[in-house]
Protein backbone atom coordinates (compact mmCIF):
# COMPACT_ATOMS: atom_id res chain seq x y z
CA UNK A 1 260.00 -7.53 252.20
CA UNK A 2 258.60 -10.82 253.49
CA UNK A 3 255.01 -11.85 252.81
CA UNK A 4 254.28 -11.92 256.57
CA UNK A 5 255.58 -8.38 257.05
CA UNK A 6 253.59 -7.19 254.04
CA UNK A 7 250.36 -8.67 255.41
CA UNK A 8 250.97 -7.09 258.80
CA UNK A 9 251.33 -3.68 257.19
CA UNK A 10 248.09 -4.21 255.27
CA UNK A 11 245.90 -5.28 258.18
CA UNK A 12 247.50 -4.06 261.41
CA UNK A 13 245.49 -1.46 263.37
CA UNK A 14 247.17 1.86 264.01
CA UNK A 15 248.48 2.84 267.42
CA UNK A 16 246.03 4.92 269.44
CA UNK A 17 242.77 3.35 268.35
CA UNK A 18 239.69 5.35 267.41
CA UNK A 19 238.69 8.61 269.08
CA UNK A 20 234.90 8.47 269.27
CA UNK A 21 233.05 11.75 268.69
CA UNK A 22 230.53 12.98 271.25
CA UNK A 23 227.89 13.02 268.49
CA UNK A 24 227.45 13.21 264.71
CA UNK A 25 224.46 15.35 263.76
CA UNK A 26 222.71 15.41 260.39
CA UNK A 27 223.06 18.69 258.47
CA UNK A 28 220.13 20.99 257.71
CA UNK A 29 217.83 19.51 255.09
CA UNK A 30 218.39 15.91 256.18
CA UNK A 31 216.18 13.82 258.45
CA UNK A 32 217.18 15.21 261.91
CA UNK A 33 219.03 12.26 263.43
CA UNK A 34 222.11 12.07 265.61
CA UNK A 35 224.67 9.31 265.96
CA UNK A 36 226.36 8.98 269.34
CA UNK A 37 228.37 6.30 271.14
CA UNK A 38 226.37 3.72 273.07
CA UNK A 39 226.60 4.09 276.86
CA UNK A 40 225.85 1.73 279.75
CA UNK A 41 223.03 4.06 280.77
CA UNK A 42 221.30 3.31 277.46
CA UNK A 43 220.57 -0.27 278.46
CA UNK A 44 216.88 0.08 279.31
CA UNK A 45 215.93 2.07 276.21
CA UNK A 46 218.18 0.10 273.84
CA UNK A 47 216.92 -3.21 275.21
CA UNK A 48 213.30 -2.09 274.89
CA UNK A 49 213.78 -1.21 271.23
CA UNK A 50 215.58 -4.48 270.51
CA UNK A 51 212.94 -6.56 272.30
CA UNK A 52 210.09 -4.81 270.48
CA UNK A 53 211.82 -5.37 267.11
CA UNK A 54 212.92 -8.98 267.69
CA UNK A 55 210.77 -10.54 264.95
CA UNK A 56 211.45 -7.63 262.58
CA UNK A 57 215.23 -7.97 262.88
CA UNK A 58 215.71 -11.72 263.41
CA UNK A 59 215.84 -12.75 259.70
CA UNK A 60 218.81 -10.37 259.14
CA UNK A 61 220.79 -11.01 262.33
CA UNK A 62 224.34 -12.30 262.04
CA UNK A 63 225.29 -15.01 264.53
CA UNK A 64 228.07 -17.18 265.90
CA UNK A 65 228.62 -20.35 263.84
CA UNK A 66 230.45 -21.84 266.85
CA UNK A 67 227.33 -21.30 269.01
CA UNK A 68 229.31 -19.89 271.91
CA UNK A 69 227.66 -18.49 275.06
CA UNK A 70 225.83 -15.20 274.70
CA UNK A 71 227.13 -11.95 276.18
CA UNK A 72 225.45 -9.72 278.71
CA UNK A 73 224.86 -6.12 277.62
CA UNK A 74 227.75 -4.88 279.77
CA UNK A 75 230.15 -7.53 278.45
CA UNK A 76 229.11 -6.76 274.88
CA UNK A 77 229.57 -3.01 275.50
CA UNK A 78 233.04 -3.64 276.96
CA UNK A 79 233.93 -5.59 273.82
CA UNK A 80 232.81 -2.62 271.70
CA UNK A 81 235.00 -0.29 273.74
CA UNK A 82 237.97 -2.64 273.30
CA UNK A 83 237.39 -2.56 269.54
CA UNK A 84 237.44 1.24 269.65
CA UNK A 85 240.67 1.20 271.68
CA UNK A 86 242.21 -1.30 269.25
CA UNK A 87 241.07 0.71 266.24
CA UNK A 88 239.06 -2.18 264.83
CA UNK A 89 235.46 -1.03 265.33
CA UNK A 90 233.04 1.72 266.31
CA UNK A 91 229.41 1.57 267.43
CA UNK A 92 226.76 4.31 267.52
CA UNK A 93 223.11 4.48 268.46
CA UNK A 94 220.81 6.37 266.11
CA UNK A 95 218.68 8.99 267.86
CA UNK A 96 215.58 10.61 266.40
CA UNK A 97 213.44 13.06 268.36
CA UNK A 98 215.63 12.33 271.42
CA UNK A 99 214.91 8.58 271.37
CA UNK A 100 217.00 5.58 270.27
CA UNK A 101 215.57 4.30 266.99
CA UNK A 102 218.42 2.12 265.76
CA UNK A 103 222.09 1.33 265.69
CA UNK A 104 224.96 1.60 263.21
CA UNK A 105 228.41 0.06 263.46
CA UNK A 106 231.72 0.07 261.66
CA UNK A 107 233.65 -3.17 262.05
CA UNK A 108 236.36 -5.39 260.57
CA UNK A 109 238.51 -2.30 260.05
CA UNK A 110 241.75 -2.83 258.14
CA UNK A 111 244.46 -0.21 257.77
CA UNK A 112 247.71 -0.20 255.82
CA UNK A 113 247.19 -0.34 252.07
CA UNK A 114 243.48 -1.26 252.36
CA UNK A 115 241.90 1.18 254.84
CA UNK A 116 238.48 -0.40 254.73
CA UNK A 117 235.64 -1.30 257.12
CA UNK A 118 232.24 -3.01 257.10
CA UNK A 119 229.03 -1.15 257.96
CA UNK A 120 226.08 -2.74 259.77
CA UNK A 121 222.84 -1.06 260.81
CA UNK A 122 219.26 -1.59 261.92
CA UNK A 123 216.29 0.73 262.45
CA UNK A 124 213.17 0.39 264.60
CA UNK A 125 210.25 -0.86 262.50
CA UNK A 126 208.15 2.09 263.72
CA UNK A 127 210.57 4.45 261.99
CA UNK A 128 211.27 2.50 258.81
CA UNK A 129 210.79 4.39 255.56
CA UNK A 130 211.83 7.79 256.95
CA UNK A 131 215.31 7.86 255.36
CA UNK A 132 216.88 7.28 258.77
CA UNK A 133 219.11 4.38 257.63
CA UNK A 134 220.61 6.08 254.53
CA UNK A 135 221.18 9.28 256.51
CA UNK A 136 222.90 7.32 259.29
CA UNK A 137 225.19 5.56 256.80
CA UNK A 138 225.98 8.92 255.16
CA UNK A 139 226.92 10.46 258.52
CA UNK A 140 229.09 7.46 259.36
CA UNK A 141 230.78 7.71 255.95
CA UNK A 142 231.47 11.42 256.41
CA UNK A 143 233.18 10.69 259.73
CA UNK A 144 235.00 7.47 258.77
CA UNK A 145 236.16 8.52 255.29
CA UNK A 146 236.44 12.32 255.32
CA UNK A 147 236.70 13.68 258.87
CA UNK A 148 240.32 14.22 260.03
CA UNK A 149 239.27 13.10 263.52
CA UNK A 150 237.88 9.79 262.21
CA UNK A 151 239.73 6.61 261.26
CA UNK A 152 240.58 8.05 257.80
CA UNK A 153 239.47 5.03 255.77
CA UNK A 154 239.20 4.80 252.00
CA UNK A 155 236.35 2.31 251.61
CA UNK A 156 233.20 1.24 253.45
CA UNK A 157 231.48 -2.03 252.62
CA UNK A 158 227.78 -2.76 252.96
CA UNK A 159 226.89 -6.47 252.73
CA UNK A 160 223.20 -7.30 252.24
CA UNK A 161 221.21 -10.50 252.03
CA UNK A 162 219.98 -10.58 248.41
CA UNK A 163 216.30 -10.67 249.44
CA UNK A 164 216.62 -7.74 251.88
CA UNK A 165 214.89 -5.14 249.72
CA UNK A 166 214.95 -2.40 252.37
CA UNK A 167 218.72 -2.55 252.85
CA UNK A 168 219.24 -2.68 249.09
CA UNK A 169 217.23 0.53 248.81
CA UNK A 170 219.55 2.14 251.38
CA UNK A 171 222.57 1.32 249.22
CA UNK A 172 220.79 2.58 246.12
CA UNK A 173 219.86 5.90 247.77
CA UNK A 174 223.52 6.38 248.67
CA UNK A 175 224.56 5.51 245.08
CA UNK A 176 226.94 2.90 246.47
CA UNK A 177 229.05 0.86 244.05
CA UNK A 178 227.55 -2.58 243.42
CA UNK A 179 230.36 -5.15 243.74
CA UNK A 180 228.39 -8.36 243.31
CA UNK A 181 227.53 -11.52 245.25
CA UNK A 182 229.91 -13.07 247.78
CA UNK A 183 229.01 -16.76 248.26
CA UNK A 184 228.35 -17.86 251.86
CA UNK A 185 229.88 -14.61 253.08
CA UNK A 186 228.36 -14.37 256.56
CA UNK A 187 226.61 -16.57 259.13
CA UNK A 188 223.03 -15.23 259.38
CA UNK A 189 219.86 -16.78 260.80
CA UNK A 190 221.51 -20.16 261.38
CA UNK A 191 223.39 -20.65 258.09
CA UNK A 192 226.24 -19.36 255.94
CA UNK A 193 224.49 -17.11 253.43
CA UNK A 194 225.36 -15.31 250.21
CA UNK A 195 225.55 -11.53 250.44
CA UNK A 196 225.25 -8.80 247.85
CA UNK A 197 228.04 -6.27 248.46
CA UNK A 198 228.19 -2.53 247.91
CA UNK A 199 230.86 0.04 248.70
CA UNK A 200 231.38 3.74 249.33
CA UNK A 201 234.78 5.28 248.54
CA UNK A 202 236.25 8.45 249.99
CA UNK A 203 236.54 10.09 246.56
CA UNK A 204 232.85 9.46 245.77
CA UNK A 205 231.63 12.51 247.68
CA UNK A 206 234.38 15.01 248.56
CA UNK A 207 231.61 17.47 249.47
CA UNK A 208 230.23 14.97 252.00
CA UNK A 209 227.92 11.96 251.72
CA UNK A 210 225.15 13.55 253.79
CA UNK A 211 225.16 16.66 251.60
CA UNK A 212 225.15 14.51 248.46
CA UNK A 213 222.18 12.54 249.79
CA UNK A 214 220.27 15.77 250.48
CA UNK A 215 221.02 17.26 247.06
CA UNK A 216 219.94 14.09 245.24
CA UNK A 217 216.72 13.94 247.23
CA UNK A 218 216.02 17.53 246.22
CA UNK A 219 216.39 16.66 242.53
CA UNK A 220 214.17 13.56 242.70
């Protein structure tokens, strides 16, 4: 087998892309959030939340090191849908009490012998500290790693700026594996920055990541 063929088998997306669920709801006992695909009709509410949280989120925002032109909401949404069709990404809004309070995404998906993806998320400052972020990651993990209708991955990666204490706490609540620092891993806030990486593996919680999160909260 040639090296080129081997690499293609490792990274190539599978035919058919990703079938997005209508919604992913938290189980009883968890903070009552729902993940659902972002829709064009969400623009006003999504944009309002983003605008209100601009200063809160700006220090953690990834960017384009080539400084290309920005995308309109519709163009960005179309790109997300292409990623879903290609099997390389999935995007959900986080709803709490019937309002958008954040966003969670699964990107950089690789198939073949790796079956891995990278998780990104943010939560409205007004709702920080309510276990919304760890519950959202747990729901995404249940779908991406364990649900037969999901992309059937083996590993999810969470990459965090070392001084982002809130995101570190999310990884800790999920009992994610600490994998260490990756130097200049991602372009954030105008520079290539080191990231602390964590992972969740499909065999970590065969009973479900959301259920494991609930049971550990009950014991603490």
